Amino acid sequence: MKKDNLENQAVPSPFVQTYFHGTKADLKIGDLIKVGYNSNFGQKKNAKYIFLSATLDAAIWGAELAFGDKRERIYLVEPTGEIEDDPDLTDQKFPGNPSKSYRSTHPFRVVGEVTIWQGHQPEHIKAMKDGIQKLNEQGVNSLND
């Protein structure tokens, strides 16, 4: 919060927290991203959760790893309810949530789109997809499915 010099009262900042959602879905400002649709990951079941991140890098991974052959997109989103740490990334791989990855059962409202961003190198994407495939073959499933 910043102080207003005239009245010395707290004035809310217009940018409290930015969240990102990486996908291959074609969305518009004002659209709601909701649970219940086929997941972009895992076993392609109806998603119990939707995901967002406070880091652009995690959202880029989301877009790059999403199923489908549409264009990769990064949306700025606003949660409409509570969010919690994504247990696949925090408890299982990166304690403390350094990727700032979250999930929710509440919709996210699309408030913008990041149109210029740098993706990962093709060999890094392939390595990540190969790692995910290996986990699937070993029967290691997401905590989010």
N, C-alpha and C. Protein backbone atom coordinates (compact mmCIF):
# COMPACT_ATOMS: atom_id res chain seq x y z
N MET A 1 0.83 -1.17 0.00
CA MET A 1 0.00 0.00 0.00
C MET A 1 0.88 1.24 0.00
N LYS A 2 0.48 2.24 -0.73
CA LYS A 2 1.21 3.50 -0.70
C LYS A 2 0.40 4.53 0.07
N LYS A 3 1.06 5.51 0.57
CA LYS A 3 0.38 6.57 1.33
C LYS A 3 0.05 7.72 0.38
N ASP A 4 -1.14 8.23 0.50
CA ASP A 4 -1.56 9.40 -0.25
C ASP A 4 -1.06 10.62 0.52
N ASN A 5 -0.25 11.45 -0.11
CA ASN A 5 0.35 12.60 0.58
C ASN A 5 -0.68 13.60 1.07
N LEU A 6 -1.79 13.74 0.39
CA LEU A 6 -2.76 14.75 0.75
C LEU A 6 -3.52 14.39 2.02
N GLU A 7 -3.91 13.16 2.15
CA GLU A 7 -4.74 12.78 3.29
C GLU A 7 -4.02 11.83 4.24
N ASN A 8 -2.82 11.40 3.88
CA ASN A 8 -2.03 10.48 4.68
C ASN A 8 -2.79 9.19 5.01
N GLN A 9 -3.59 8.72 4.05
CA GLN A 9 -4.32 7.47 4.20
C GLN A 9 -3.77 6.44 3.22
N ALA A 10 -3.92 5.19 3.58
CA ALA A 10 -3.47 4.12 2.69
C ALA A 10 -4.35 4.07 1.45
N VAL A 11 -3.71 4.00 0.29
CA VAL A 11 -4.41 3.89 -0.98
C VAL A 11 -4.00 2.56 -1.61
N PRO A 12 -4.95 1.71 -2.00
CA PRO A 12 -4.58 0.41 -2.56
C PRO A 12 -3.81 0.57 -3.87
N SER A 13 -2.84 -0.30 -4.06
CA SER A 13 -2.07 -0.34 -5.30
C SER A 13 -2.90 -1.06 -6.36
N PRO A 14 -2.86 -0.61 -7.62
CA PRO A 14 -3.66 -1.29 -8.65
C PRO A 14 -3.11 -2.68 -9.00
N PHE A 15 -1.86 -2.99 -8.63
CA PHE A 15 -1.26 -4.27 -8.96
C PHE A 15 -0.79 -4.95 -7.69
N VAL A 16 -1.71 -5.62 -7.03
CA VAL A 16 -1.38 -6.30 -5.79
C VAL A 16 -0.65 -7.61 -6.08
N GLN A 17 -1.18 -8.43 -6.96
CA GLN A 17 -0.57 -9.72 -7.32
C GLN A 17 -0.97 -10.06 -8.75
N THR A 18 0.01 -10.52 -9.52
CA THR A 18 -0.26 -10.96 -10.88
C THR A 18 -0.17 -12.48 -10.91
N TYR A 19 -1.14 -13.11 -11.54
CA TYR A 19 -1.12 -14.55 -11.73
C TYR A 19 -1.21 -14.85 -13.22
N PHE A 20 -0.60 -15.96 -13.60
CA PHE A 20 -0.54 -16.38 -15.00
C PHE A 20 -1.15 -17.78 -15.14
N HIS A 21 -1.69 -18.05 -16.33
CA HIS A 21 -2.20 -19.38 -16.66
C HIS A 21 -1.72 -19.72 -18.07
N GLY A 22 -0.93 -20.79 -18.18
CA GLY A 22 -0.43 -21.22 -19.47
C GLY A 22 -1.29 -22.32 -20.04
N THR A 23 -1.63 -22.22 -21.33
CA THR A 23 -2.55 -23.17 -21.95
C THR A 23 -2.42 -23.09 -23.47
N LYS A 24 -3.19 -23.89 -24.15
CA LYS A 24 -3.33 -23.78 -25.60
C LYS A 24 -4.77 -23.42 -25.97
N ALA A 25 -5.56 -23.07 -24.98
CA ALA A 25 -6.95 -22.66 -25.22
C ALA A 25 -6.98 -21.22 -25.72
N ASP A 26 -7.91 -20.95 -26.61
CA ASP A 26 -8.11 -19.61 -27.14
C ASP A 26 -9.18 -18.93 -26.30
N LEU A 27 -8.77 -18.01 -25.42
CA LEU A 27 -9.69 -17.35 -24.50
C LEU A 27 -9.72 -15.85 -24.75
N LYS A 28 -10.73 -15.21 -24.19
CA LYS A 28 -10.90 -13.76 -24.33
C LYS A 28 -10.95 -13.12 -22.95
N ILE A 29 -10.63 -11.85 -22.89
CA ILE A 29 -10.73 -11.12 -21.63
C ILE A 29 -12.17 -11.22 -21.12
N GLY A 30 -12.29 -11.55 -19.85
CA GLY A 30 -13.60 -11.74 -19.23
C GLY A 30 -14.03 -13.19 -19.14
N ASP A 31 -13.43 -14.07 -19.97
CA ASP A 31 -13.76 -15.50 -19.90
C ASP A 31 -13.37 -16.05 -18.53
N LEU A 32 -14.09 -17.10 -18.11
CA LEU A 32 -13.76 -17.80 -16.87
C LEU A 32 -13.14 -19.14 -17.22
N ILE A 33 -12.04 -19.45 -16.58
CA ILE A 33 -11.41 -20.78 -16.68
C ILE A 33 -11.96 -21.57 -15.51
N LYS A 34 -12.62 -22.71 -15.81
CA LYS A 34 -13.33 -23.46 -14.77
C LYS A 34 -12.88 -24.92 -14.72
N VAL A 35 -13.15 -25.57 -13.60
CA VAL A 35 -12.93 -27.01 -13.46
C VAL A 35 -13.99 -27.74 -14.29
N GLY A 36 -13.74 -29.04 -14.53
CA GLY A 36 -14.74 -29.86 -15.20
C GLY A 36 -14.47 -30.13 -16.66
N TYR A 37 -13.50 -29.44 -17.23
CA TYR A 37 -13.14 -29.68 -18.63
C TYR A 37 -11.98 -30.66 -18.67
N ASN A 38 -11.69 -31.23 -19.84
CA ASN A 38 -10.55 -32.14 -19.95
C ASN A 38 -9.27 -31.43 -19.54
N SER A 39 -8.50 -32.11 -18.72
CA SER A 39 -7.25 -31.56 -18.23
C SER A 39 -6.23 -31.42 -19.36
N ASN A 40 -5.36 -30.44 -19.25
CA ASN A 40 -4.25 -30.27 -20.19
C ASN A 40 -3.12 -31.24 -19.91
N PHE A 41 -3.18 -31.94 -18.80
CA PHE A 41 -2.07 -32.78 -18.35
C PHE A 41 -2.60 -34.11 -17.83
N GLY A 42 -1.66 -34.95 -17.42
CA GLY A 42 -2.02 -36.21 -16.78
C GLY A 42 -2.79 -37.14 -17.69
N GLN A 43 -3.92 -37.61 -17.21
CA GLN A 43 -4.69 -38.62 -17.93
C GLN A 43 -5.85 -38.03 -18.73
N LYS A 44 -5.85 -36.72 -18.90
CA LYS A 44 -6.88 -36.00 -19.67
C LYS A 44 -8.28 -36.21 -19.10
N LYS A 45 -8.37 -36.42 -17.80
CA LYS A 45 -9.67 -36.57 -17.15
C LYS A 45 -10.30 -35.19 -17.00
N ASN A 46 -11.59 -35.18 -16.63
CA ASN A 46 -12.20 -33.90 -16.28
C ASN A 46 -11.44 -33.33 -15.10
N ALA A 47 -10.95 -32.13 -15.26
CA ALA A 47 -10.08 -31.52 -14.26
C ALA A 47 -10.83 -31.22 -12.97
N LYS A 48 -10.25 -31.66 -11.85
CA LYS A 48 -10.79 -31.33 -10.53
C LYS A 48 -10.31 -29.96 -10.09
N TYR A 49 -9.17 -29.54 -10.64
CA TYR A 49 -8.55 -28.27 -10.27
C TYR A 49 -8.14 -27.52 -11.53
N ILE A 50 -7.99 -26.22 -11.37
CA ILE A 50 -7.36 -25.40 -12.40
C ILE A 50 -6.13 -24.77 -11.76
N PHE A 51 -5.18 -24.37 -12.60
CA PHE A 51 -3.86 -23.99 -12.11
C PHE A 51 -3.46 -22.59 -12.55
N LEU A 52 -2.70 -21.94 -11.70
CA LEU A 52 -2.14 -20.65 -12.01
C LEU A 52 -0.80 -20.53 -11.31
N SER A 53 -0.04 -19.56 -11.71
CA SER A 53 1.27 -19.36 -11.12
C SER A 53 1.53 -17.87 -10.99
N ALA A 54 2.34 -17.52 -10.00
CA ALA A 54 2.77 -16.13 -9.85
C ALA A 54 4.07 -15.90 -10.60
N THR A 55 4.60 -16.94 -11.30
CA THR A 55 5.80 -16.76 -12.10
C THR A 55 5.48 -17.02 -13.57
N LEU A 56 6.05 -16.20 -14.42
CA LEU A 56 5.85 -16.37 -15.85
C LEU A 56 6.46 -17.68 -16.33
N ASP A 57 7.61 -18.06 -15.78
CA ASP A 57 8.27 -19.29 -16.22
C ASP A 57 7.38 -20.51 -16.02
N ALA A 58 6.73 -20.63 -14.87
CA ALA A 58 5.84 -21.78 -14.64
C ALA A 58 4.67 -21.77 -15.61
N ALA A 59 4.15 -20.59 -15.93
CA ALA A 59 3.05 -20.50 -16.90
C ALA A 59 3.52 -20.89 -18.30
N ILE A 60 4.76 -20.53 -18.64
CA ILE A 60 5.31 -20.93 -19.94
C ILE A 60 5.39 -22.45 -20.02
N TRP A 61 5.86 -23.09 -18.95
CA TRP A 61 5.86 -24.57 -18.94
C TRP A 61 4.45 -25.11 -19.11
N GLY A 62 3.48 -24.50 -18.47
CA GLY A 62 2.09 -24.94 -18.61
C GLY A 62 1.63 -24.89 -20.06
N ALA A 63 1.96 -23.80 -20.74
CA ALA A 63 1.57 -23.66 -22.15
C ALA A 63 2.32 -24.67 -23.03
N GLU A 64 3.60 -24.84 -22.77
CA GLU A 64 4.41 -25.72 -23.61
C GLU A 64 4.07 -27.19 -23.42
N LEU A 65 3.64 -27.57 -22.23
CA LEU A 65 3.34 -28.98 -21.95
C LEU A 65 1.87 -29.34 -22.13
N ALA A 66 1.03 -28.35 -22.37
CA ALA A 66 -0.40 -28.62 -22.55
C ALA A 66 -0.64 -29.48 -23.78
N PHE A 67 -1.64 -30.36 -23.70
CA PHE A 67 -2.02 -31.19 -24.83
C PHE A 67 -2.59 -30.32 -25.95
N GLY A 68 -2.48 -30.82 -27.15
CA GLY A 68 -3.08 -30.12 -28.29
C GLY A 68 -2.05 -29.49 -29.20
N ASP A 69 -2.53 -29.03 -30.34
CA ASP A 69 -1.62 -28.43 -31.31
C ASP A 69 -1.96 -26.98 -31.60
N LYS A 70 -2.80 -26.37 -30.77
CA LYS A 70 -3.10 -24.94 -30.92
C LYS A 70 -1.91 -24.12 -30.42
N ARG A 71 -2.00 -22.83 -30.64
CA ARG A 71 -0.95 -21.90 -30.23
C ARG A 71 -0.85 -21.85 -28.71
N GLU A 72 0.38 -21.79 -28.20
CA GLU A 72 0.61 -21.66 -26.77
C GLU A 72 0.25 -20.25 -26.34
N ARG A 73 -0.48 -20.15 -25.22
CA ARG A 73 -0.95 -18.84 -24.74
C ARG A 73 -0.64 -18.69 -23.25
N ILE A 74 -0.37 -17.46 -22.86
CA ILE A 74 -0.18 -17.13 -21.45
C ILE A 74 -1.19 -16.03 -21.12
N TYR A 75 -2.08 -16.34 -20.19
CA TYR A 75 -3.10 -15.37 -19.79
C TYR A 75 -2.80 -14.83 -18.40
N LEU A 76 -3.13 -13.57 -18.19
CA LEU A 76 -3.16 -12.97 -16.87
C LEU A 76 -4.53 -13.30 -16.30
N VAL A 77 -4.56 -13.86 -15.11
CA VAL A 77 -5.84 -14.29 -14.54
C VAL A 77 -6.01 -13.77 -13.12
N GLU A 78 -7.25 -13.70 -12.73
CA GLU A 78 -7.64 -13.24 -11.40
C GLU A 78 -8.46 -14.35 -10.74
N PRO A 79 -7.99 -14.90 -9.62
CA PRO A 79 -8.79 -15.93 -8.94
C PRO A 79 -10.09 -15.34 -8.42
N THR A 80 -11.15 -16.15 -8.44
CA THR A 80 -12.43 -15.70 -7.90
C THR A 80 -12.72 -16.31 -6.53
N GLY A 81 -11.80 -17.14 -6.06
CA GLY A 81 -11.94 -17.79 -4.75
C GLY A 81 -10.57 -18.15 -4.22
N GLU A 82 -10.57 -19.02 -3.23
CA GLU A 82 -9.32 -19.42 -2.59
C GLU A 82 -8.44 -20.22 -3.54
N ILE A 83 -7.11 -20.06 -3.36
CA ILE A 83 -6.13 -20.86 -4.08
C ILE A 83 -5.25 -21.54 -3.03
N GLU A 84 -4.62 -22.66 -3.43
CA GLU A 84 -3.72 -23.38 -2.53
C GLU A 84 -2.50 -23.83 -3.32
N ASP A 85 -1.42 -24.16 -2.62
CA ASP A 85 -0.22 -24.67 -3.28
C ASP A 85 -0.56 -25.91 -4.11
N ASP A 86 0.06 -26.04 -5.28
CA ASP A 86 -0.08 -27.23 -6.12
C ASP A 86 0.81 -28.32 -5.52
N PRO A 87 0.23 -29.39 -4.95
CA PRO A 87 1.03 -30.40 -4.26
C PRO A 87 1.99 -31.16 -5.18
N ASP A 88 1.71 -31.24 -6.47
CA ASP A 88 2.64 -31.92 -7.37
C ASP A 88 3.98 -31.19 -7.43
N LEU A 89 3.95 -29.89 -7.36
CA LEU A 89 5.17 -29.12 -7.49
C LEU A 89 5.76 -28.70 -6.16
N THR A 90 4.96 -28.60 -5.13
CA THR A 90 5.50 -28.13 -3.86
C THR A 90 5.91 -29.28 -2.96
N ASP A 91 4.99 -30.17 -2.65
CA ASP A 91 5.30 -31.25 -1.72
C ASP A 91 6.18 -32.32 -2.35
N GLN A 92 5.98 -32.60 -3.62
CA GLN A 92 6.66 -33.70 -4.28
C GLN A 92 8.05 -33.33 -4.82
N LYS A 93 8.18 -32.14 -5.38
CA LYS A 93 9.41 -31.81 -6.10
C LYS A 93 10.17 -30.62 -5.53
N PHE A 94 9.46 -29.59 -5.16
CA PHE A 94 10.11 -28.34 -4.78
C PHE A 94 9.53 -27.78 -3.49
N PRO A 95 9.93 -28.32 -2.34
CA PRO A 95 9.38 -27.82 -1.07
C PRO A 95 9.56 -26.30 -0.95
N GLY A 96 8.52 -25.66 -0.45
CA GLY A 96 8.55 -24.22 -0.28
C GLY A 96 7.93 -23.46 -1.44
N ASN A 97 7.52 -24.16 -2.48
CA ASN A 97 6.82 -23.57 -3.63
C ASN A 97 7.62 -22.46 -4.33
N PRO A 98 8.87 -22.72 -4.74
CA PRO A 98 9.64 -21.67 -5.44
C PRO A 98 9.04 -21.30 -6.80
N SER A 99 8.28 -22.21 -7.41
CA SER A 99 7.65 -21.88 -8.70
C SER A 99 6.37 -21.07 -8.52
N LYS A 100 5.96 -20.90 -7.26
CA LYS A 100 4.73 -20.16 -6.94
C LYS A 100 3.55 -20.68 -7.77
N SER A 101 3.41 -22.01 -7.76
CA SER A 101 2.35 -22.70 -8.49
C SER A 101 1.21 -23.04 -7.56
N TYR A 102 -0.01 -22.74 -8.02
CA TYR A 102 -1.19 -22.91 -7.19
C TYR A 102 -2.30 -23.61 -7.96
N ARG A 103 -3.29 -24.09 -7.21
CA ARG A 103 -4.46 -24.70 -7.82
C ARG A 103 -5.70 -24.19 -7.09
N SER A 104 -6.86 -24.40 -7.74
CA SER A 104 -8.12 -23.98 -7.13
C SER A 104 -9.26 -24.76 -7.75
N THR A 105 -10.36 -24.83 -7.05
CA THR A 105 -11.60 -25.36 -7.62
C THR A 105 -12.50 -24.20 -8.06
N HIS A 106 -12.09 -22.98 -7.73
CA HIS A 106 -12.84 -21.77 -8.10
C HIS A 106 -12.34 -21.25 -9.44
N PRO A 107 -13.21 -20.67 -10.25
CA PRO A 107 -12.79 -20.16 -11.56
C PRO A 107 -11.75 -19.04 -11.46
N PHE A 108 -11.03 -18.86 -12.57
CA PHE A 108 -10.14 -17.71 -12.75
C PHE A 108 -10.73 -16.88 -13.87
N ARG A 109 -10.70 -15.59 -13.71
CA ARG A 109 -11.17 -14.67 -14.75
C ARG A 109 -9.96 -14.20 -15.57
N VAL A 110 -10.06 -14.30 -16.88
CA VAL A 110 -9.00 -13.82 -17.76
C VAL A 110 -9.08 -12.29 -17.78
N VAL A 111 -7.96 -11.64 -17.42
CA VAL A 111 -7.93 -10.18 -17.39
C VAL A 111 -6.93 -9.60 -18.39
N GLY A 112 -6.17 -10.46 -19.05
CA GLY A 112 -5.20 -9.99 -20.04
C GLY A 112 -4.45 -11.16 -20.63
N GLU A 113 -3.55 -10.85 -21.55
CA GLU A 113 -2.72 -11.88 -22.17
C GLU A 113 -1.31 -11.35 -22.33
N VAL A 114 -0.33 -12.19 -22.04
CA VAL A 114 1.07 -11.88 -22.29
C VAL A 114 1.33 -12.34 -23.73
N THR A 115 1.61 -11.41 -24.61
CA THR A 115 1.76 -11.75 -26.03
C THR A 115 3.21 -11.89 -26.46
N ILE A 116 4.14 -11.39 -25.67
CA ILE A 116 5.56 -11.53 -26.00
C ILE A 116 6.24 -12.21 -24.83
N TRP A 117 6.74 -13.41 -25.08
CA TRP A 117 7.46 -14.17 -24.06
C TRP A 117 8.39 -15.15 -24.75
N GLN A 118 9.41 -15.56 -24.04
CA GLN A 118 10.43 -16.47 -24.58
C GLN A 118 10.20 -17.87 -24.04
N GLY A 119 9.96 -18.82 -24.93
CA GLY A 119 9.77 -20.20 -24.52
C GLY A 119 11.09 -20.87 -24.19
N HIS A 120 10.99 -22.09 -23.67
CA HIS A 120 12.18 -22.88 -23.35
C HIS A 120 12.78 -23.48 -24.63
N GLN A 121 14.02 -23.87 -24.54
CA GLN A 121 14.70 -24.50 -25.67
C GLN A 121 14.02 -25.83 -25.99
N PRO A 122 13.93 -26.19 -27.28
CA PRO A 122 13.26 -27.45 -27.66
C PRO A 122 13.80 -28.68 -26.94
N GLU A 123 15.10 -28.73 -26.69
CA GLU A 123 15.66 -29.90 -26.00
C GLU A 123 15.21 -29.95 -24.54
N HIS A 124 14.98 -28.79 -23.92
CA HIS A 124 14.47 -28.78 -22.54
C HIS A 124 13.01 -29.23 -22.50
N ILE A 125 12.24 -28.81 -23.48
CA ILE A 125 10.82 -29.23 -23.54
C ILE A 125 10.74 -30.73 -23.76
N LYS A 126 11.57 -31.25 -24.69
CA LYS A 126 11.59 -32.69 -24.95
C LYS A 126 11.98 -33.46 -23.69
N ALA A 127 12.99 -32.99 -22.97
CA ALA A 127 13.42 -33.66 -21.74
C ALA A 127 12.30 -33.67 -20.70
N MET A 128 11.59 -32.56 -20.58
CA MET A 128 10.49 -32.49 -19.62
C MET A 128 9.37 -33.46 -20.03
N LYS A 129 9.00 -33.47 -21.31
CA LYS A 129 7.95 -34.39 -21.78
C LYS A 129 8.38 -35.84 -21.62
N ASP A 130 9.65 -36.14 -21.89
CA ASP A 130 10.16 -37.50 -21.70
C ASP A 130 10.07 -37.91 -20.23
N GLY A 131 10.40 -36.98 -19.33
CA GLY A 131 10.32 -37.26 -17.90
C GLY A 131 8.90 -37.52 -17.45
N ILE A 132 7.96 -36.74 -17.97
CA ILE A 132 6.54 -36.95 -17.64
C ILE A 132 6.07 -38.30 -18.16
N GLN A 133 6.47 -38.65 -19.39
CA GLN A 133 6.10 -39.94 -19.97
C GLN A 133 6.66 -41.10 -19.14
N LYS A 134 7.90 -40.96 -18.68
CA LYS A 134 8.51 -42.00 -17.86
C LYS A 134 7.73 -42.18 -16.55
N LEU A 135 7.33 -41.08 -15.92
CA LEU A 135 6.53 -41.18 -14.70
C LEU A 135 5.21 -41.88 -14.97
N ASN A 136 4.57 -41.55 -16.10
CA ASN A 136 3.31 -42.21 -16.47
C ASN A 136 3.50 -43.71 -16.65
N GLU A 137 4.59 -44.10 -17.31
CA GLU A 137 4.87 -45.53 -17.53
C GLU A 137 5.13 -46.25 -16.22
N GLN A 138 5.68 -45.55 -15.25
CA GLN A 138 5.95 -46.14 -13.93
C GLN A 138 4.73 -46.13 -13.03
N GLY A 139 3.63 -45.55 -13.53
CA GLY A 139 2.40 -45.49 -12.75
C GLY A 139 2.38 -44.40 -11.71
N VAL A 140 3.31 -43.45 -11.83
CA VAL A 140 3.34 -42.32 -10.91
C VAL A 140 2.38 -41.27 -11.47
N ASN A 141 1.27 -41.07 -10.78
CA ASN A 141 0.24 -40.16 -11.26
C ASN A 141 0.24 -38.86 -10.48
N SER A 142 -0.34 -37.89 -11.06
CA SER A 142 -0.46 -36.58 -10.43
C SER A 142 -1.37 -36.66 -9.22
N LEU A 143 -1.07 -35.86 -8.23
CA LEU A 143 -1.94 -35.72 -7.07
C LEU A 143 -3.20 -34.93 -7.43
N ASN A 144 -3.20 -34.34 -8.62
CA ASN A 144 -4.29 -33.48 -9.04
C ASN A 144 -5.32 -34.20 -9.90
N ASP A 145 -5.06 -35.42 -10.34
CA ASP A 145 -6.00 -36.17 -11.17
C ASP A 145 -7.14 -36.71 -10.34
